[in-house]
Amino acid sequence: MSYLLITLEFAGASTKGETLVIIEPMAADLDLDEVEVALLRAAVGDYAAEAAVLLLANDGYWPALLGVAGMVTVETEAVGGQLWARIEWAELDAALADGRLPASREELGVLRVAASLADGRPVDLADVAVTLDRRTLGLVLAALAHAAGTHEHRAPVPNGSDVRLEPLFRWPTRH
């Protein structure tokens, strides 16, 4: 397994002359499930970011490729040691241009929707929609419904309380 080594020199009184080394794992060397969990951990609470990660994870094509292309930064929590990860969306155009992210039109459509949800990049939905098959269209619809918070929507009932509604479009079951 590869690790990113970060060396810091401290000049403080108690650490003068000491070197602290922080070892961060590289996404390409982690189990794919670990990377997906770390990406979700970092996205929790932001429905659009959650939707982008869930879209890519459920599609299955992008998480590993983004890791190998060096576009996923993984950090280890100082207390507890949990992994957190983020996709470096700012590097997307360069990675596509230099061939680090080879993909079909359909795969690129999924990535473009995820980038739009997570990073606010403009996307022409008409252009993307025609590239998607039924499975990936279902994933994109689930991502849009998730980003809109439909998994948290509630409706009033006659007794004065409310009930949680089903998501407008459910994520498919992963096998």
C-alpha atoms as a PDB file:
ATOM      1  CA  MET A   1       0.000   0.000   0.000  1.00  0.00           C
ATOM      2  CA  SER A   2       1.248   3.490  -0.845  1.00  0.00           C
ATOM      3  CA  TYR A   3       0.992   6.429   1.488  1.00  0.00           C
ATOM      4  CA  LEU A   4       1.392  10.134   1.093  1.00  0.00           C
ATOM      5  CA  LEU A   5       4.021  11.350   3.550  1.00  0.00           C
ATOM      6  CA  ILE A   6       3.726  14.870   4.871  1.00  0.00           C
ATOM      7  CA  THR A   7       6.683  16.101   6.888  1.00  0.00           C
ATOM      8  CA  LEU A   8       6.328  19.114   9.149  1.00  0.00           C
ATOM      9  CA  GLU A   9       9.146  20.861  10.982  1.00  0.00           C
ATOM     10  CA  PHE A  10       8.197  22.467  14.288  1.00  0.00           C
ATOM     11  CA  ALA A  11      10.063  25.331  15.878  1.00  0.00           C
ATOM     12  CA  GLY A  12       7.908  25.514  19.050  1.00  0.00           C
ATOM     13  CA  ALA A  13       9.569  25.211  22.471  1.00  0.00           C
ATOM     14  CA  SER A  14       8.311  21.699  23.223  1.00  0.00           C
ATOM     15  CA  THR A  15       8.914  20.361  19.728  1.00  0.00           C
ATOM     16  CA  LYS A  16      11.954  22.363  18.641  1.00  0.00           C
ATOM     17  CA  GLY A  17      13.931  20.440  16.091  1.00  0.00           C
ATOM     18  CA  GLU A  18      11.423  17.578  16.009  1.00  0.00           C
ATOM     19  CA  THR A  19       9.893  16.328  12.784  1.00  0.00           C
ATOM     20  CA  LEU A  20       6.308  15.121  12.683  1.00  0.00           C
ATOM     21  CA  VAL A  21       5.355  12.776   9.863  1.00  0.00           C
ATOM     22  CA  ILE A  22       1.732  12.400   8.859  1.00  0.00           C
ATOM     23  CA  ILE A  23       0.984   9.314   6.806  1.00  0.00           C
ATOM     24  CA  GLU A  24      -2.091   9.595   4.595  1.00  0.00           C
ATOM     25  CA  PRO A  25      -3.323   6.619   2.545  1.00  0.00           C
ATOM     26  CA  MET A  26      -3.612   6.920  -1.229  1.00  0.00           C
ATOM     27  CA  ALA A  27      -7.124   6.290  -2.619  1.00  0.00           C
ATOM     28  CA  ALA A  28      -5.806   4.003  -5.372  1.00  0.00           C
ATOM     29  CA  ASP A  29      -4.457   1.582  -2.770  1.00  0.00           C
ATOM     30  CA  LEU A  30      -7.563   1.395  -0.583  1.00  0.00           C
ATOM     31  CA  ASP A  31     -10.393  -1.074  -0.906  1.00  0.00           C
ATOM     32  CA  LEU A  32     -13.093   0.469  -3.108  1.00  0.00           C
ATOM     33  CA  ASP A  33     -15.665   0.139  -0.327  1.00  0.00           C
ATOM     34  CA  GLU A  34     -13.358   2.099   2.008  1.00  0.00           C
ATOM     35  CA  VAL A  35     -13.044   4.901  -0.538  1.00  0.00           C
ATOM     36  CA  GLU A  36     -16.811   5.069  -1.074  1.00  0.00           C
ATOM     37  CA  VAL A  37     -17.478   5.163   2.683  1.00  0.00           C
ATOM     38  CA  ALA A  38     -14.837   7.882   3.136  1.00  0.00           C
ATOM     39  CA  LEU A  39     -16.377   9.941   0.320  1.00  0.00           C
ATOM     40  CA  LEU A  40     -19.852   9.565   1.832  1.00  0.00           C
ATOM     41  CA  ARG A  41     -18.572  10.427   5.318  1.00  0.00           C
ATOM     42  CA  ALA A  42     -17.264  13.726   3.980  1.00  0.00           C
ATOM     43  CA  ALA A  43     -20.474  14.463   2.050  1.00  0.00           C
ATOM     44  CA  VAL A  44     -23.007  13.719   4.806  1.00  0.00           C
ATOM     45  CA  GLY A  45     -25.349  16.623   5.462  1.00  0.00           C
ATOM     46  CA  ASP A  46     -25.027  18.141   1.985  1.00  0.00           C
ATOM     47  CA  TYR A  47     -27.711  16.395  -0.076  1.00  0.00           C
ATOM     48  CA  ALA A  48     -26.192  17.418  -3.409  1.00  0.00           C
ATOM     49  CA  ALA A  49     -22.717  16.162  -2.422  1.00  0.00           C
ATOM     50  CA  GLU A  50     -24.248  12.959  -1.040  1.00  0.00           C
ATOM     51  CA  ALA A  51     -26.163  12.499  -4.309  1.00  0.00           C
ATOM     52  CA  ALA A  52     -23.002  12.938  -6.380  1.00  0.00           C
ATOM     53  CA  VAL A  53     -21.096  10.317  -4.368  1.00  0.00           C
ATOM     54  CA  LEU A  54     -24.045   7.910  -4.384  1.00  0.00           C
ATOM     55  CA  LEU A  55     -24.449   8.376  -8.140  1.00  0.00           C
ATOM     56  CA  LEU A  56     -20.807   7.533  -8.817  1.00  0.00           C
ATOM     57  CA  ALA A  57     -20.750   4.653  -6.315  1.00  0.00           C
ATOM     58  CA  ASN A  58     -23.963   3.090  -7.618  1.00  0.00           C
ATOM     59  CA  ASP A  59     -22.819   3.449 -11.217  1.00  0.00           C
ATOM     60  CA  GLY A  60     -19.653   1.594 -10.247  1.00  0.00           C
ATOM     61  CA  TYR A  61     -17.377   2.939 -12.964  1.00  0.00           C
ATOM     62  CA  TRP A  62     -15.951   6.124 -11.492  1.00  0.00           C
ATOM     63  CA  PRO A  63     -14.774   5.631  -7.880  1.00  0.00           C
ATOM     64  CA  ALA A  64     -11.851   3.334  -8.735  1.00  0.00           C
ATOM     65  CA  LEU A  65     -10.879   5.281 -11.855  1.00  0.00           C
ATOM     66  CA  LEU A  66     -10.919   8.616 -10.030  1.00  0.00           C
ATOM     67  CA  GLY A  67      -8.707   7.100  -7.320  1.00  0.00           C
ATOM     68  CA  VAL A  68      -6.188   5.717  -9.814  1.00  0.00           C
ATOM     69  CA  ALA A  69      -6.156   9.062 -11.645  1.00  0.00           C
ATOM     70  CA  GLY A  70      -5.137  10.776  -8.388  1.00  0.00           C
ATOM     71  CA  MET A  71      -8.374  12.737  -8.145  1.00  0.00           C
ATOM     72  CA  VAL A  72      -9.476  11.441  -4.741  1.00  0.00           C
ATOM     73  CA  THR A  73      -7.781  12.891  -1.678  1.00  0.00           C
ATOM     74  CA  VAL A  74      -7.996  10.741   1.443  1.00  0.00           C
ATOM     75  CA  GLU A  75      -7.326  12.013   4.936  1.00  0.00           C
ATOM     76  CA  THR A  76      -7.265  10.177   8.231  1.00  0.00           C
ATOM     77  CA  GLU A  77      -9.181  11.747  11.109  1.00  0.00           C
ATOM     78  CA  ALA A  78      -6.759  12.711  13.876  1.00  0.00           C
ATOM     79  CA  VAL A  79      -9.030  11.311  16.580  1.00  0.00           C
ATOM     80  CA  GLY A  80     -10.551   7.946  15.806  1.00  0.00           C
ATOM     81  CA  GLY A  81      -8.616   7.317  12.607  1.00  0.00           C
ATOM     82  CA  GLN A  82     -11.658   7.300  10.312  1.00  0.00           C
ATOM     83  CA  LEU A  83     -10.991   7.994   6.655  1.00  0.00           C
ATOM     84  CA  TRP A  84     -12.480  11.028   4.929  1.00  0.00           C
ATOM     85  CA  ALA A  85     -12.182  11.581   1.187  1.00  0.00           C
ATOM     86  CA  ARG A  86     -13.048  14.150  -1.425  1.00  0.00           C
ATOM     87  CA  ILE A  87     -13.004  14.230  -5.190  1.00  0.00           C
ATOM     88  CA  GLU A  88     -10.789  16.978  -6.570  1.00  0.00           C
ATOM     89  CA  TRP A  89     -13.356  18.414  -8.976  1.00  0.00           C
ATOM     90  CA  ALA A  90     -11.055  21.322  -9.896  1.00  0.00           C
ATOM     91  CA  GLU A  91      -8.771  18.809 -11.645  1.00  0.00           C
ATOM     92  CA  LEU A  92     -11.570  17.221 -13.703  1.00  0.00           C
ATOM     93  CA  ASP A  93     -11.058  19.109 -16.960  1.00  0.00           C
ATOM     94  CA  ALA A  94      -7.297  18.490 -16.951  1.00  0.00           C
ATOM     95  CA  ALA A  95      -7.746  14.784 -16.164  1.00  0.00           C
ATOM     96  CA  LEU A  96     -10.249  14.403 -19.008  1.00  0.00           C
ATOM     97  CA  ALA A  97      -8.001  16.339 -21.410  1.00  0.00           C
ATOM     98  CA  ASP A  98      -4.856  14.347 -20.647  1.00  0.00           C
ATOM     99  CA  GLY A  99      -6.584  10.974 -20.922  1.00  0.00           C
ATOM    100  CA  ARG A 100      -6.479   9.925 -17.254  1.00  0.00           C
ATOM    101  CA  LEU A 101     -10.254   9.428 -17.300  1.00  0.00           C
ATOM    102  CA  PRO A 102     -11.167   7.384 -20.375  1.00  0.00           C
ATOM    103  CA  ALA A 103     -14.917   6.896 -20.679  1.00  0.00           C
ATOM    104  CA  SER A 104     -17.820   6.320 -23.016  1.00  0.00           C
ATOM    105  CA  ARG A 105     -20.361   9.089 -23.677  1.00  0.00           C
ATOM    106  CA  GLU A 106     -22.714   7.437 -21.190  1.00  0.00           C
ATOM    107  CA  GLU A 107     -20.048   7.238 -18.460  1.00  0.00           C
ATOM    108  CA  LEU A 108     -19.115  10.863 -19.110  1.00  0.00           C
ATOM    109  CA  GLY A 109     -22.784  11.822 -18.796  1.00  0.00           C
ATOM    110  CA  VAL A 110     -22.930  10.269 -15.329  1.00  0.00           C
ATOM    111  CA  LEU A 111     -19.702  12.037 -14.336  1.00  0.00           C
ATOM    112  CA  ARG A 112     -20.994  15.384 -15.643  1.00  0.00           C
ATOM    113  CA  VAL A 113     -24.171  15.089 -13.566  1.00  0.00           C
ATOM    114  CA  ALA A 114     -22.133  14.165 -10.460  1.00  0.00           C
ATOM    115  CA  ALA A 115     -19.778  17.113 -11.042  1.00  0.00           C
ATOM    116  CA  SER A 116     -22.743  19.424 -11.411  1.00  0.00           C
ATOM    117  CA  LEU A 117     -24.295  18.215  -8.153  1.00  0.00           C
ATOM    118  CA  ALA A 118     -21.057  18.272  -6.145  1.00  0.00           C
ATOM    119  CA  ASP A 119     -19.288  21.243  -7.641  1.00  0.00           C
ATOM    120  CA  GLY A 120     -21.950  23.356  -9.328  1.00  0.00           C
ATOM    121  CA  ARG A 121     -20.629  22.743 -12.829  1.00  0.00           C
ATOM    122  CA  PRO A 122     -23.178  23.577 -15.521  1.00  0.00           C
ATOM    123  CA  VAL A 123     -24.584  20.558 -17.339  1.00  0.00           C
ATOM    124  CA  ASP A 124     -26.934  20.368 -20.306  1.00  0.00           C
ATOM    125  CA  LEU A 125     -29.451  17.776 -19.131  1.00  0.00           C
ATOM    126  CA  ALA A 126     -30.850  17.309 -22.640  1.00  0.00           C
ATOM    127  CA  ASP A 127     -27.370  16.485 -23.910  1.00  0.00           C
ATOM    128  CA  VAL A 128     -26.712  14.085 -21.018  1.00  0.00           C
ATOM    129  CA  ALA A 129     -30.129  12.389 -21.078  1.00  0.00           C
ATOM    130  CA  VAL A 130     -29.718  11.080 -24.622  1.00  0.00           C
ATOM    131  CA  THR A 131     -26.459   9.322 -23.668  1.00  0.00           C
ATOM    132  CA  LEU A 132     -27.934   7.355 -20.755  1.00  0.00           C
ATOM    133  CA  ASP A 133     -29.364   3.854 -20.824  1.00  0.00           C
ATOM    134  CA  ARG A 134     -32.292   2.895 -18.577  1.00  0.00           C
ATOM    135  CA  ARG A 135     -30.030   1.884 -15.647  1.00  0.00           C
ATOM    136  CA  THR A 136     -27.932   5.046 -15.624  1.00  0.00           C
ATOM    137  CA  LEU A 137     -31.000   7.236 -16.208  1.00  0.00           C
ATOM    138  CA  GLY A 138     -32.520   5.648 -13.089  1.00  0.00           C
ATOM    139  CA  LEU A 139     -29.345   6.483 -11.168  1.00  0.00           C
ATOM    140  CA  VAL A 140     -29.400  10.095 -12.349  1.00  0.00           C
ATOM    141  CA  LEU A 141     -33.089  10.420 -11.407  1.00  0.00           C
ATOM    142  CA  ALA A 142     -32.344   8.961  -7.957  1.00  0.00           C
ATOM    143  CA  ALA A 143     -29.448  11.419  -7.585  1.00  0.00           C
ATOM    144  CA  LEU A 144     -31.634  14.390  -8.482  1.00  0.00           C
ATOM    145  CA  ALA A 145     -34.353  13.231  -6.078  1.00  0.00           C
ATOM    146  CA  HIS A 146     -31.767  12.777  -3.320  1.00  0.00           C
ATOM    147  CA  ALA A 147     -30.232  16.200  -3.951  1.00  0.00           C
ATOM    148  CA  ALA A 148     -33.721  17.696  -3.641  1.00  0.00           C
ATOM    149  CA  GLY A 149     -34.105  16.018  -0.253  1.00  0.00           C
ATOM    150  CA  THR A 150     -37.097  13.860  -1.179  1.00  0.00           C
ATOM    151  CA  HIS A 151     -35.824  11.144   1.172  1.00  0.00           C
ATOM    152  CA  GLU A 152     -36.566  13.589   4.023  1.00  0.00           C
ATOM    153  CA  HIS A 153     -39.926  14.943   2.837  1.00  0.00           C
ATOM    154  CA  ARG A 154     -42.875  14.646   5.203  1.00  0.00           C
ATOM    155  CA  ALA A 155     -46.632  14.988   4.775  1.00  0.00           C
ATOM    156  CA  PRO A 156     -49.331  15.870   7.305  1.00  0.00           C
ATOM    157  CA  VAL A 157     -51.768  13.168   8.400  1.00  0.00           C
ATOM    158  CA  PRO A 158     -55.320  13.686   9.784  1.00  0.00           C
ATOM    159  CA  ASN A 159     -54.284  13.321  13.452  1.00  0.00           C
ATOM    160  CA  GLY A 160     -52.160  16.472  13.193  1.00  0.00           C
ATOM    161  CA  SER A 161     -48.758  14.800  13.012  1.00  0.00           C
ATOM    162  CA  ASP A 162     -46.785  14.005   9.901  1.00  0.00           C
ATOM    163  CA  VAL A 163     -45.243  10.967   8.248  1.00  0.00           C
ATOM    164  CA  ARG A 164     -42.065  10.554   6.273  1.00  0.00           C
ATOM    165  CA  LEU A 165     -42.726  10.041   2.580  1.00  0.00           C
ATOM    166  CA  GLU A 166     -40.896   7.589   0.369  1.00  0.00           C
ATOM    167  CA  PRO A 167     -38.133   9.128  -1.758  1.00  0.00           C
ATOM    168  CA  LEU A 168     -39.527  10.385  -5.050  1.00  0.00           C
ATOM    169  CA  PHE A 169     -37.139   8.055  -6.876  1.00  0.00           C
ATOM    170  CA  ARG A 170     -35.315   5.288  -4.984  1.00  0.00           C
ATOM    171  CA  TRP A 171     -31.706   4.262  -5.370  1.00  0.00           C
ATOM    172  CA  PRO A 172     -31.513   0.763  -6.865  1.00  0.00           C
ATOM    173  CA  THR A 173     -30.465  -2.141  -4.694  1.00  0.00           C
ATOM    174  CA  ARG A 174     -26.750  -2.845  -5.089  1.00  0.00           C
ATOM    175  CA  HIS A 175     -25.765  -6.437  -5.700  1.00  0.00           C
END
